[in-house]
N, C-alpha and C. Protein backbone atom coordinates (compact mmCIF):
# COMPACT_ATOMS: atom_id res chain seq x y z
N MET A 1 28.72 26.81 13.64
CA MET A 1 30.28 26.83 13.31
C MET A 1 30.71 25.53 13.88
N LYS A 2 31.70 24.83 12.85
CA LYS A 2 32.48 23.55 13.10
C LYS A 2 33.82 24.03 13.61
N ILE A 3 34.07 23.61 14.90
CA ILE A 3 35.62 23.71 15.20
C ILE A 3 36.39 22.46 15.70
N GLU A 4 37.24 22.19 15.02
CA GLU A 4 38.05 20.75 15.15
C GLU A 4 39.42 20.71 15.73
N LEU A 5 39.65 19.81 16.11
CA LEU A 5 41.17 19.38 16.28
C LEU A 5 41.54 18.43 15.62
N LYS A 6 42.75 18.48 14.73
CA LYS A 6 43.38 17.47 13.93
C LYS A 6 44.61 17.17 14.13
N SER A 7 45.15 15.92 13.73
CA SER A 7 46.68 15.81 13.98
C SER A 7 46.92 16.06 15.33
N ILE A 8 46.49 15.40 16.19
CA ILE A 8 46.58 16.00 17.65
C ILE A 8 47.78 14.83 18.14
N TYR A 9 48.41 15.54 18.87
CA TYR A 9 49.73 14.64 19.54
C TYR A 9 49.46 15.00 21.12
N HIS A 10 49.37 13.85 21.83
CA HIS A 10 49.32 14.09 23.38
C HIS A 10 50.38 13.54 23.84
N SER A 11 51.45 14.17 24.89
CA SER A 11 52.05 13.49 25.48
C SER A 11 51.90 13.31 27.08
N ILE A 12 51.57 11.99 27.57
CA ILE A 12 51.35 11.65 29.07
C ILE A 12 52.58 11.96 29.79
N GLN A 13 54.14 12.08 29.25
CA GLN A 13 54.92 12.30 30.07
C GLN A 13 55.09 13.84 30.50
N LEU A 14 54.79 14.65 29.42
CA LEU A 14 54.88 16.20 29.79
C LEU A 14 53.44 16.63 30.52
N SER A 15 52.77 15.89 30.27
CA SER A 15 51.42 16.42 31.09
C SER A 15 51.47 16.28 32.71
N GLU A 16 51.48 17.40 33.17
CA GLU A 16 51.65 17.58 34.58
C GLU A 16 50.31 18.20 35.22
N GLU A 17 50.33 19.47 35.29
CA GLU A 17 48.95 20.07 36.01
C GLU A 17 47.81 20.15 34.60
N THR A 18 48.56 20.15 33.45
CA THR A 18 47.38 20.19 32.43
C THR A 18 47.77 19.27 31.49
N GLU A 19 47.14 18.84 30.36
CA GLU A 19 47.23 17.92 29.16
C GLU A 19 48.17 18.72 28.23
N ALA A 20 49.29 18.09 27.99
CA ALA A 20 50.32 18.74 27.07
C ALA A 20 49.98 17.82 25.76
N PHE A 21 49.80 18.82 24.71
CA PHE A 21 49.49 18.56 23.45
C PHE A 21 49.81 19.51 22.30
N THR A 22 49.84 19.09 20.93
CA THR A 22 50.08 20.00 19.90
C THR A 22 48.82 19.39 19.09
N ALA A 23 48.10 20.20 18.18
CA ALA A 23 47.19 19.90 17.45
C ALA A 23 46.78 21.09 16.09
N ASN A 24 46.59 20.42 15.11
CA ASN A 24 45.90 21.69 14.06
C ASN A 24 44.75 21.92 14.25
N LEU A 25 44.49 23.23 14.22
CA LEU A 25 43.06 23.72 14.46
C LEU A 25 42.29 24.03 13.18
N TYR A 26 41.05 23.55 13.20
CA TYR A 26 40.31 23.63 11.72
C TYR A 26 38.93 24.21 12.14
N ILE A 27 38.80 25.05 11.13
CA ILE A 27 37.31 26.00 11.45
C ILE A 27 36.56 25.79 10.14
N ASN A 28 35.39 25.41 10.26
CA ASN A 28 34.43 25.12 9.20
C ASN A 28 35.24 24.46 8.02
N GLY A 29 36.09 23.38 8.38
CA GLY A 29 36.74 22.50 7.51
C GLY A 29 37.93 23.13 6.84
N VAL A 30 38.46 24.40 7.43
CA VAL A 30 39.60 24.79 6.73
C VAL A 30 40.62 24.89 8.21
N HIS A 31 42.00 24.52 7.55
CA HIS A 31 42.92 24.47 8.54
C HIS A 31 43.45 25.84 8.82
N ALA A 32 42.71 26.32 10.20
CA ALA A 32 42.78 27.87 10.46
C ALA A 32 44.28 27.94 11.21
N GLY A 33 44.56 27.14 12.01
CA GLY A 33 45.91 27.58 12.79
C GLY A 33 46.28 26.29 13.52
N TYR A 34 47.13 26.78 14.80
CA TYR A 34 47.60 25.79 15.80
C TYR A 34 47.10 26.01 17.05
N ALA A 35 46.94 24.92 17.94
CA ALA A 35 46.80 25.02 19.25
C ALA A 35 47.63 24.23 19.99
N LYS A 36 47.96 24.57 21.24
CA LYS A 36 49.26 23.67 22.10
C LYS A 36 48.67 23.98 23.51
N ASN A 37 49.26 23.08 24.28
CA ASN A 37 49.46 23.31 25.56
C ASN A 37 50.58 22.82 26.33
N GLU A 38 51.43 23.51 27.13
CA GLU A 38 52.84 22.74 27.53
C GLU A 38 52.81 21.91 28.66
N GLY A 39 51.63 21.85 29.40
CA GLY A 39 51.44 20.82 30.27
C GLY A 39 51.83 21.21 31.64
N HIS A 40 52.13 22.31 31.95
CA HIS A 40 52.58 22.62 33.30
C HIS A 40 51.59 23.82 34.09
N GLY A 41 50.51 23.68 33.64
CA GLY A 41 49.40 24.23 34.29
C GLY A 41 49.10 25.58 33.72
N GLY A 42 49.65 25.95 32.39
CA GLY A 42 49.31 27.25 31.85
C GLY A 42 48.18 27.13 30.90
N ASN A 43 47.78 28.10 30.21
CA ASN A 43 46.67 28.19 29.38
C ASN A 43 47.23 27.51 28.07
N THR A 44 46.10 27.01 27.33
CA THR A 44 46.14 26.64 25.88
C THR A 44 46.28 27.88 24.98
N PHE A 45 47.29 27.77 24.00
CA PHE A 45 47.51 28.76 23.27
C PHE A 45 47.11 28.47 21.96
N TYR A 46 46.40 29.24 21.08
CA TYR A 46 46.47 29.03 19.67
C TYR A 46 46.83 30.24 18.91
N GLN A 47 47.09 29.86 17.44
CA GLN A 47 47.43 31.02 16.88
C GLN A 47 47.33 30.46 15.21
N PRO A 48 46.99 31.71 14.52
CA PRO A 48 46.56 31.30 13.10
C PRO A 48 47.64 30.71 12.13
N LYS A 49 47.21 30.11 11.24
CA LYS A 49 48.13 29.73 9.98
C LYS A 49 48.63 30.96 9.35
N ASN A 50 47.38 31.70 8.88
CA ASN A 50 47.53 32.83 7.96
C ASN A 50 46.58 33.69 8.31
N GLU A 51 46.39 34.48 6.86
CA GLU A 51 45.39 35.77 7.31
C GLU A 51 43.98 35.23 7.16
N LYS A 52 44.06 34.31 6.56
CA LYS A 52 42.50 33.87 6.56
C LYS A 52 42.26 33.06 7.63
N GLY A 53 43.25 32.27 8.32
CA GLY A 53 43.06 31.78 9.33
C GLY A 53 42.83 32.62 10.72
N ARG A 54 43.34 33.68 10.50
CA ARG A 54 43.24 34.84 11.49
C ARG A 54 41.75 35.13 11.70
N GLU A 55 41.27 35.33 10.39
CA GLU A 55 39.71 35.92 10.45
C GLU A 55 38.96 34.69 10.82
N LEU A 56 39.18 33.32 10.51
CA LEU A 56 38.25 32.20 11.08
C LEU A 56 38.39 32.08 12.50
N ILE A 57 39.75 32.51 12.84
CA ILE A 57 39.80 32.21 14.62
C ILE A 57 38.93 33.49 15.14
N ARG A 58 39.03 34.53 14.64
CA ARG A 58 38.31 35.91 15.25
C ARG A 58 36.73 35.39 15.04
N GLN A 59 36.58 34.84 14.03
CA GLN A 59 34.85 34.30 14.06
C GLN A 59 34.34 33.26 15.07
N ALA A 60 35.52 32.39 15.22
CA ALA A 60 35.42 31.45 16.24
C ALA A 60 35.12 31.82 17.69
N GLU A 61 36.07 32.84 17.97
CA GLU A 61 36.11 33.50 19.22
C GLU A 61 34.69 34.09 19.41
N GLU A 62 33.98 34.66 18.64
CA GLU A 62 32.95 35.39 18.66
C GLU A 62 31.88 34.39 18.98
N TYR A 63 31.78 33.39 18.17
CA TYR A 63 30.95 32.28 18.12
C TYR A 63 30.79 31.57 19.46
N CYS A 64 32.11 31.32 20.02
CA CYS A 64 31.99 30.51 21.65
C CYS A 64 31.60 31.66 22.57
N LYS A 65 31.83 32.79 22.56
CA LYS A 65 31.10 33.60 23.43
C LYS A 65 29.59 33.66 23.37
N THR A 66 29.07 32.83 22.30
CA THR A 66 27.48 32.94 22.40
C THR A 66 27.06 31.36 23.01
N LEU A 67 27.90 30.70 23.22
CA LEU A 67 27.73 29.45 24.12
C LEU A 67 27.38 29.22 25.37
N PRO A 68 26.66 28.50 26.16
CA PRO A 68 26.49 28.51 27.39
C PRO A 68 27.62 28.40 28.08
N PRO A 69 27.75 28.69 29.44
CA PRO A 69 29.00 28.78 30.20
C PRO A 69 29.11 27.16 30.60
N ILE A 70 30.33 27.00 30.96
CA ILE A 70 30.75 25.82 31.21
C ILE A 70 30.47 25.35 33.13
N GLU A 71 29.77 24.67 33.37
CA GLU A 71 29.32 24.22 34.77
C GLU A 71 30.17 23.36 35.50
N TYR A 72 30.72 23.75 36.55
CA TYR A 72 31.45 22.67 37.31
C TYR A 72 30.70 22.46 38.58
N PRO A 73 30.25 21.25 39.00
CA PRO A 73 29.48 20.84 40.08
C PRO A 73 30.18 20.91 41.47
N ALA A 74 29.45 20.85 42.69
CA ALA A 74 30.18 20.96 43.84
C ALA A 74 30.71 19.76 44.06
N ASP A 75 31.77 19.87 44.77
CA ASP A 75 32.65 18.66 45.22
C ASP A 75 33.04 19.11 47.01
N LYS A 76 33.76 18.11 47.56
CA LYS A 76 34.07 18.12 48.80
C LYS A 76 35.18 19.20 49.12
N TYR A 77 35.83 19.83 48.09
CA TYR A 77 36.50 20.85 47.97
C TYR A 77 36.30 22.23 47.86
N MET A 78 35.03 22.36 46.96
CA MET A 78 34.64 23.83 46.67
C MET A 78 33.15 23.99 46.49
N GLU A 79 32.54 24.56 46.18
CA GLU A 79 31.23 24.90 45.89
C GLU A 79 31.28 25.10 44.09
N ALA A 80 30.00 24.93 43.53
CA ALA A 80 29.62 24.57 42.58
C ALA A 80 29.84 25.99 41.77
N PHE A 81 30.52 26.20 40.53
CA PHE A 81 30.56 27.30 39.93
C PHE A 81 30.61 27.25 38.32
N SER A 82 30.62 28.40 37.84
CA SER A 82 30.91 28.17 36.07
C SER A 82 31.57 29.14 35.59
N ILE A 83 32.26 29.04 34.30
CA ILE A 83 33.05 29.80 33.76
C ILE A 83 32.45 30.40 32.32
N ASP A 84 32.62 31.65 31.88
CA ASP A 84 32.33 31.63 30.37
C ASP A 84 32.93 30.85 29.39
N MET A 85 32.24 30.22 28.45
CA MET A 85 32.82 29.69 27.43
C MET A 85 33.76 30.59 26.50
N ASN A 86 34.61 30.20 25.88
CA ASN A 86 35.67 30.88 24.88
C ASN A 86 36.21 29.98 24.11
N LEU A 87 37.11 30.38 23.21
CA LEU A 87 37.58 29.35 22.20
C LEU A 87 38.90 28.60 23.03
N GLU A 88 39.37 29.11 23.96
CA GLU A 88 40.58 28.36 24.52
C GLU A 88 39.59 27.11 25.24
N HIS A 89 38.86 27.58 26.09
CA HIS A 89 38.01 26.27 26.78
C HIS A 89 37.24 25.54 25.70
N TYR A 90 36.68 25.77 24.75
CA TYR A 90 36.24 24.89 23.81
C TYR A 90 37.25 23.94 23.09
N ILE A 91 38.42 24.74 22.77
CA ILE A 91 39.63 23.89 22.44
C ILE A 91 39.90 22.28 23.68
N ASP A 92 39.96 22.97 24.74
CA ASP A 92 40.41 22.00 25.68
C ASP A 92 39.62 20.99 25.94
N ASP A 93 38.17 21.36 25.66
CA ASP A 93 37.02 20.31 25.85
C ASP A 93 37.10 19.45 24.61
N LEU A 94 37.44 20.16 23.25
CA LEU A 94 37.65 18.92 22.31
C LEU A 94 38.63 17.83 22.63
N LEU A 95 39.84 18.60 23.19
CA LEU A 95 40.88 17.65 23.51
C LEU A 95 40.51 16.62 24.81
N ASN A 96 39.77 17.04 25.70
CA ASN A 96 39.14 15.80 26.35
C ASN A 96 38.25 15.06 26.05
N LYS A 97 37.69 15.30 25.04
CA LYS A 97 36.60 14.44 24.69
C LYS A 97 37.38 13.45 23.58
N TYR A 98 38.33 13.85 22.94
CA TYR A 98 39.33 13.08 22.19
C TYR A 98 40.12 12.17 23.36
N LEU A 99 40.87 12.49 24.24
CA LEU A 99 41.12 11.76 25.24
C LEU A 99 40.07 10.56 25.65
N GLU A 100 39.09 11.03 26.05
CA GLU A 100 38.12 10.08 26.75
C GLU A 100 37.86 9.02 25.45
N LYS A 101 37.64 9.47 24.25
CA LYS A 101 37.28 8.49 23.22
C LYS A 101 38.30 7.36 23.18
N LYS A 102 39.73 7.91 23.14
CA LYS A 102 40.73 7.29 23.01
C LYS A 102 40.97 6.07 24.21
N GLU A 103 40.59 6.52 25.44
CA GLU A 103 40.76 5.54 26.58
C GLU A 103 39.69 4.65 26.52
N THR A 104 38.29 4.96 25.90
CA THR A 104 37.24 3.95 25.95
C THR A 104 37.66 2.98 24.88
N ALA A 105 38.37 3.41 23.76
CA ALA A 105 38.50 2.56 22.71
C ALA A 105 39.64 1.47 23.23
N LYS A 106 40.53 1.72 23.97
CA LYS A 106 41.77 1.09 24.48
C LYS A 106 41.07 0.25 25.32
N PHE A 107 40.17 0.44 26.39
CA PHE A 107 39.37 -0.27 27.43
C PHE A 107 38.82 -1.28 26.62
N ASN A 108 37.92 -1.00 25.91
CA ASN A 108 36.86 -1.89 25.01
C ASN A 108 37.70 -3.16 24.33
N ALA A 109 38.87 -2.51 23.66
CA ALA A 109 40.01 -3.68 23.02
C ALA A 109 40.46 -4.62 23.87
N LYS A 110 40.65 -4.33 25.33
CA LYS A 110 41.21 -5.03 26.25
C LYS A 110 40.35 -5.61 26.83
N LEU A 111 38.96 -5.20 26.76
CA LEU A 111 37.45 -6.10 27.26
C LEU A 111 37.33 -7.23 26.24
N ASP A 112 37.43 -6.92 25.08
CA ASP A 112 37.03 -7.54 24.00
C ASP A 112 38.18 -9.07 24.10
N LYS A 113 39.23 -8.57 24.38
CA LYS A 113 40.40 -9.75 24.21
C LYS A 113 40.04 -10.63 25.60
N THR A 114 39.75 -9.88 26.85
CA THR A 114 39.63 -10.83 27.95
C THR A 114 38.23 -11.61 27.79
N MET A 115 37.21 -11.10 27.28
CA MET A 115 35.99 -11.89 27.43
C MET A 115 36.31 -13.26 26.37
N LEU A 116 37.18 -13.12 25.48
CA LEU A 116 37.53 -14.58 24.85
C LEU A 116 37.89 -15.71 25.53
N LYS A 117 38.40 -14.99 26.80
CA LYS A 117 39.12 -16.14 28.00
C LYS A 117 38.22 -16.58 29.05
N GLY A 118 37.26 -15.82 29.11
CA GLY A 118 36.31 -16.24 30.53
C GLY A 118 35.06 -15.33 30.41
N ILE A 119 34.61 -15.38 31.62
CA ILE A 119 33.69 -14.04 32.00
C ILE A 119 33.90 -13.05 32.64
N VAL A 120 33.32 -12.03 32.07
CA VAL A 120 33.91 -10.52 32.61
C VAL A 120 32.97 -9.87 33.26
N TYR A 121 33.19 -9.00 34.08
CA TYR A 121 32.13 -8.02 34.90
C TYR A 121 32.62 -7.05 35.54
N GLY A 122 31.93 -5.71 35.41
CA GLY A 122 32.49 -4.62 35.67
C GLY A 122 31.70 -3.38 35.40
N VAL A 123 32.06 -2.34 35.57
CA VAL A 123 31.44 -1.03 35.10
C VAL A 123 31.75 -0.65 33.63
N PRO A 124 30.82 -0.69 32.67
CA PRO A 124 30.87 -0.34 31.14
C PRO A 124 31.67 0.82 31.12
N ASP A 125 32.78 0.81 30.26
CA ASP A 125 33.74 1.86 29.81
C ASP A 125 34.59 2.25 31.08
N GLN A 126 34.23 1.62 32.19
CA GLN A 126 35.43 2.26 33.07
C GLN A 126 36.34 1.32 33.83
N SER A 127 35.90 0.26 34.15
CA SER A 127 36.75 -1.16 34.92
C SER A 127 36.17 -2.30 34.70
N PHE A 128 36.95 -3.39 34.69
CA PHE A 128 36.39 -4.85 34.79
C PHE A 128 37.24 -5.69 35.38
N GLY A 129 36.58 -6.88 36.05
CA GLY A 129 37.58 -7.91 36.52
C GLY A 129 37.05 -9.31 35.63
N ALA A 130 37.79 -10.40 35.85
CA ALA A 130 37.16 -11.55 34.97
C ALA A 130 37.89 -12.68 35.74
N ILE A 131 36.77 -14.05 35.59
CA ILE A 131 37.14 -14.93 35.89
C ILE A 131 37.32 -15.82 34.66
N THR A 132 38.98 -16.45 34.33
CA THR A 132 39.26 -16.93 33.16
C THR A 132 39.23 -18.52 33.32
N PHE A 133 39.12 -19.25 32.23
CA PHE A 133 39.08 -20.49 31.75
C PHE A 133 40.54 -21.06 31.56
N ASN A 134 40.99 -22.32 31.64
CA ASN A 134 42.05 -22.82 30.91
C ASN A 134 42.00 -22.96 29.24
N LEU A 135 40.51 -22.96 28.76
CA LEU A 135 40.46 -22.85 27.40
C LEU A 135 39.66 -21.47 26.97
N PRO A 136 39.78 -21.22 25.86
CA PRO A 136 38.98 -20.06 25.50
C PRO A 136 37.57 -20.42 25.72
N LEU A 137 36.71 -19.33 25.91
CA LEU A 137 35.23 -19.72 26.26
C LEU A 137 34.48 -20.24 25.40
N VAL A 138 34.76 -20.02 24.13
CA VAL A 138 34.01 -20.49 22.90
C VAL A 138 34.26 -22.08 23.00
N LYS A 139 35.38 -22.63 23.35
CA LYS A 139 35.53 -24.05 23.54
C LYS A 139 34.85 -24.52 24.82
N VAL A 140 35.01 -23.78 25.67
CA VAL A 140 34.26 -24.26 26.91
C VAL A 140 32.77 -24.44 26.79
N LEU A 141 32.06 -23.63 26.23
CA LEU A 141 30.66 -23.55 25.68
C LEU A 141 30.49 -24.91 24.88
N ALA A 142 31.52 -25.14 23.91
CA ALA A 142 31.32 -26.25 22.99
C ALA A 142 31.37 -27.72 23.67
N HIS A 143 31.99 -27.64 25.23
CA HIS A 143 32.08 -28.91 25.55
C HIS A 143 30.67 -29.41 26.07
N PRO A 144 30.39 -30.78 26.16
CA PRO A 144 29.03 -31.11 26.62
C PRO A 144 28.68 -30.62 27.93
N LYS A 145 29.64 -30.03 28.97
CA LYS A 145 29.31 -29.72 30.28
C LYS A 145 29.73 -28.33 30.38
N GLY A 146 30.12 -27.81 29.12
CA GLY A 146 30.45 -26.16 28.99
C GLY A 146 29.45 -25.36 29.61
N PRO A 147 28.06 -25.37 29.14
CA PRO A 147 27.14 -24.38 29.25
C PRO A 147 26.84 -24.41 30.87
N GLN A 148 26.71 -25.70 31.52
CA GLN A 148 26.63 -25.87 32.73
C GLN A 148 27.75 -25.45 33.57
N THR A 149 28.90 -25.45 33.06
CA THR A 149 30.06 -24.75 33.97
C THR A 149 29.93 -23.30 33.86
N VAL A 150 29.44 -22.84 32.70
CA VAL A 150 29.43 -21.35 32.57
C VAL A 150 28.14 -20.79 33.32
N LEU A 151 27.26 -21.45 33.42
CA LEU A 151 25.98 -20.92 33.99
C LEU A 151 26.20 -21.15 35.44
N GLN A 152 26.83 -22.19 36.04
CA GLN A 152 27.19 -22.18 37.42
C GLN A 152 28.44 -21.30 38.05
N THR A 153 29.20 -21.04 37.26
CA THR A 153 29.93 -19.87 37.55
C THR A 153 29.30 -18.55 37.43
N ILE A 154 28.50 -18.13 36.63
CA ILE A 154 28.00 -16.85 36.79
C ILE A 154 26.86 -16.76 38.14
N ILE A 155 26.57 -17.74 38.41
CA ILE A 155 25.61 -17.95 39.64
C ILE A 155 26.35 -17.89 40.82
N ASP A 156 27.62 -18.75 41.09
CA ASP A 156 28.30 -18.60 42.23
C ASP A 156 29.33 -17.21 42.49
N LYS A 157 29.78 -17.26 41.16
CA LYS A 157 31.04 -16.25 41.21
C LYS A 157 30.79 -14.52 40.68
N ILE A 158 29.85 -14.69 39.75
CA ILE A 158 29.62 -13.23 39.29
C ILE A 158 28.35 -12.66 39.97
N LEU A 159 27.47 -13.29 40.03
CA LEU A 159 26.08 -12.68 40.55
C LEU A 159 26.34 -12.04 41.76
N PRO A 160 27.05 -12.47 42.78
CA PRO A 160 27.35 -11.67 44.00
C PRO A 160 27.95 -10.21 43.65
N LYS A 161 28.60 -10.07 42.71
CA LYS A 161 29.64 -8.80 42.27
C LYS A 161 28.96 -7.79 41.35
N LEU A 162 27.44 -8.28 41.11
CA LEU A 162 26.71 -7.20 40.35
C LEU A 162 25.97 -6.33 41.21
N LYS A 163 26.68 -5.46 41.51
CA LYS A 163 25.85 -4.36 42.18
C LYS A 163 27.11 -3.08 42.09
N ASP A 164 26.42 -1.85 42.63
CA ASP A 164 27.59 -0.62 42.53
C ASP A 164 27.74 -0.58 41.08
N GLY A 165 26.96 -0.59 40.02
CA GLY A 165 27.02 -0.40 38.63
C GLY A 165 27.69 -1.58 38.16
N ASN A 166 28.06 -2.46 38.64
CA ASN A 166 28.62 -3.58 37.78
C ASN A 166 27.83 -4.40 37.19
N LYS A 167 28.22 -4.89 35.96
CA LYS A 167 27.13 -5.80 35.13
C LYS A 167 28.25 -6.79 34.50
N LEU A 168 27.22 -8.06 34.22
CA LEU A 168 28.12 -8.96 33.33
C LEU A 168 28.31 -8.13 32.12
N LEU A 169 29.71 -8.21 31.48
CA LEU A 169 29.83 -7.41 30.27
C LEU A 169 30.21 -8.50 29.17
N ASN A 170 30.02 -9.64 29.23
CA ASN A 170 30.30 -10.43 27.86
C ASN A 170 29.15 -10.44 26.94
N THR A 171 29.70 -10.12 25.69
CA THR A 171 28.55 -10.14 24.73
C THR A 171 28.69 -11.65 23.80
N ASN A 172 29.57 -12.33 24.28
CA ASN A 172 29.88 -13.74 23.66
C ASN A 172 29.33 -14.78 24.41
N ILE A 173 28.59 -14.77 25.56
CA ILE A 173 27.67 -15.64 26.32
C ILE A 173 26.22 -15.40 25.96
N PRO A 174 25.63 -16.90 25.39
CA PRO A 174 24.15 -16.81 24.73
C PRO A 174 23.20 -16.15 26.09
N GLU A 175 22.57 -15.48 25.66
CA GLU A 175 21.39 -14.71 26.74
C GLU A 175 20.64 -15.79 27.29
N SER A 176 20.55 -16.74 26.36
CA SER A 176 19.51 -17.70 27.12
C SER A 176 20.31 -18.46 28.62
N ILE A 177 21.50 -18.43 28.45
CA ILE A 177 22.44 -18.70 29.70
C ILE A 177 22.28 -17.62 30.94
N ILE A 178 22.63 -16.76 30.23
CA ILE A 178 22.30 -15.42 31.26
C ILE A 178 21.22 -15.29 31.91
N LYS A 179 20.14 -15.67 31.32
CA LYS A 179 18.67 -15.61 31.96
C LYS A 179 18.48 -16.62 32.75
N ALA A 180 19.06 -17.75 32.30
CA ALA A 180 18.77 -19.13 33.13
C ALA A 180 19.65 -18.96 34.49
N ALA A 181 20.56 -18.15 34.48
CA ALA A 181 21.41 -17.83 35.63
C ALA A 181 20.54 -16.81 36.74
N GLY A 182 19.50 -16.28 36.06
CA GLY A 182 18.92 -15.37 37.03
C GLY A 182 18.97 -14.03 37.02
N LEU A 183 20.10 -13.54 35.81
CA LEU A 183 20.28 -11.96 36.12
C LEU A 183 19.19 -11.42 34.99
N LYS A 184 18.69 -10.13 35.76
CA LYS A 184 18.11 -9.41 35.17
C LYS A 184 18.54 -8.56 33.94
N GLU A 185 17.77 -7.74 33.14
CA GLU A 185 18.25 -7.20 32.15
C GLU A 185 19.26 -5.92 32.36
N GLU A 186 18.99 -5.25 33.43
CA GLU A 186 19.82 -4.10 33.84
C GLU A 186 21.18 -4.64 34.54
N GLN A 187 21.37 -6.11 34.53
CA GLN A 187 22.67 -6.52 35.06
C GLN A 187 23.39 -7.12 34.37
N TYR A 188 23.14 -7.00 32.99
CA TYR A 188 24.23 -7.54 31.94
C TYR A 188 24.14 -6.53 30.77
N VAL A 189 25.14 -6.64 29.79
CA VAL A 189 25.12 -6.03 28.63
C VAL A 189 24.71 -7.22 27.76
N LYS A 190 23.80 -6.34 26.65
CA LYS A 190 22.89 -7.26 25.80
C LYS A 190 23.99 -8.21 24.97
N PRO A 191 24.18 -9.62 24.84
CA PRO A 191 24.98 -10.52 24.09
C PRO A 191 24.38 -10.28 22.53
N THR A 192 25.77 -10.85 21.79
CA THR A 192 25.32 -10.87 20.47
C THR A 192 24.91 -12.14 20.11
N ILE A 193 24.75 -13.19 20.87
CA ILE A 193 24.20 -14.66 20.81
C ILE A 193 23.16 -14.59 21.75
N GLN A 194 22.08 -15.12 21.29
CA GLN A 194 20.67 -15.24 21.87
C GLN A 194 20.59 -16.35 22.41
N ASN A 195 20.70 -17.50 21.79
CA ASN A 195 20.31 -19.01 22.47
C ASN A 195 21.68 -19.92 22.07
N ILE A 196 21.74 -20.73 23.05
CA ILE A 196 22.89 -21.46 23.16
C ILE A 196 22.91 -22.53 21.65
N ARG A 197 24.34 -22.57 21.04
CA ARG A 197 24.32 -23.05 19.58
C ARG A 197 24.53 -24.59 19.91
N TYR A 198 25.23 -25.04 21.18
CA TYR A 198 25.95 -26.29 21.21
C TYR A 198 25.57 -27.11 22.55
N GLY A 199 24.97 -28.07 22.52
CA GLY A 199 24.50 -28.63 23.96
C GLY A 199 23.36 -28.06 24.20
N THR A 200 22.93 -28.17 25.44
CA THR A 200 21.85 -27.78 26.08
C THR A 200 22.00 -26.76 27.58
N ILE A 201 21.12 -26.05 27.46
CA ILE A 201 21.15 -25.46 29.04
C ILE A 201 20.87 -26.31 30.12
N PRO A 202 21.52 -26.67 30.92
CA PRO A 202 21.38 -27.72 32.08
C PRO A 202 20.21 -27.27 33.09
N ASP A 203 19.45 -28.10 33.80
CA ASP A 203 18.49 -27.57 34.98
C ASP A 203 19.45 -27.20 35.92
N VAL A 204 19.03 -25.92 36.63
CA VAL A 204 19.49 -25.52 37.61
C VAL A 204 19.14 -25.46 38.99
N ASP A 205 19.91 -25.60 39.89
CA ASP A 205 19.13 -25.86 41.17
C ASP A 205 18.20 -24.95 41.40
N GLU A 206 16.79 -24.95 41.83
CA GLU A 206 15.77 -23.88 41.93
C GLU A 206 15.87 -23.07 42.91
N ASN A 207 16.86 -23.23 44.27
CA ASN A 207 17.00 -22.33 45.05
C ASN A 207 17.75 -21.64 44.69
N LYS A 208 19.19 -22.01 44.17
CA LYS A 208 20.16 -20.89 43.75
C LYS A 208 19.63 -20.00 42.64
N ASN A 209 18.70 -20.67 41.68
CA ASN A 209 18.22 -19.83 40.57
C ASN A 209 17.28 -18.65 41.19
N ASN A 210 16.35 -19.03 42.03
CA ASN A 210 15.69 -18.12 42.78
C ASN A 210 16.45 -16.93 43.82
N ARG A 211 17.66 -17.60 44.31
CA ARG A 211 18.37 -16.67 45.15
C ARG A 211 18.96 -15.71 43.99
N GLY A 212 19.41 -16.18 42.71
CA GLY A 212 20.23 -15.09 41.97
C GLY A 212 19.16 -14.07 41.45
N ARG A 213 17.91 -14.30 41.17
CA ARG A 213 16.70 -13.50 40.63
C ARG A 213 16.33 -12.57 41.77
N SER A 214 16.63 -12.79 43.10
CA SER A 214 16.38 -12.00 44.18
C SER A 214 17.41 -10.91 44.40
N ARG A 215 18.51 -10.95 43.46
CA ARG A 215 19.36 -9.79 44.20
C ARG A 215 19.31 -8.75 43.23
C-alpha cells in the first residue's frame, strides 16, 4: 500500500514539542484525507475527505498494523524501547523524512555555493567549514601558481581537520590535486574533475606528502 503526504505546510514558528504541519493524505494515489499536528506535543490527527477516503484510511490503518514496530535505541536518558506501528506514526515518519530531505537540499545548496569560493571540509549532509580565497576557486586554479596554492592549502590547513568523520567536500577540485596532497579515498568526496585542466601539479615536499598520507 502506498501512503503519501502532499501539499505539506510545516511551521517552524509553531513547532514546540512536536512538528506543526498540515498536509493532504494520499493512499494508493487517491486524495483520501487530511493530516495535521498543532505542534504542542499532542497527537498527529488525520481525517477522511469523503466516504471513499474513509475506507482507504481504514485499509491503511490495517496495513500499518502489519508493519514492524518502531525501534528506539538506548541513550543516556532511557533504555531502548519499541512501539507498535500505526497510521499516525507512519504519517509522522513520512513528515520527518520530508523535513530531513528538505534540510539536506538546503545544506547541499549552501555547500555548492561555498565550494565555488574555496576549499570545504566537514561531515557530508551535516556540517561544514571552509577556507575561502579572494578569487573564485576556478580562477585560483587557472592561475599559474593556483594548483600549488590549492595543494598546499589542503596539506597545511585541511588535512589536519580530516578526522571524526570530516572529509574534503569539494567536487570541483581535480582529483589529481587531492591525491597529490596525500588524501586517501575515504577522506574526500569523489570530485567531478579528475585531472588538472590548467597548469601542472607542482612537486610537493616529500616529507609533507608522506606526513599527509600517514594521517
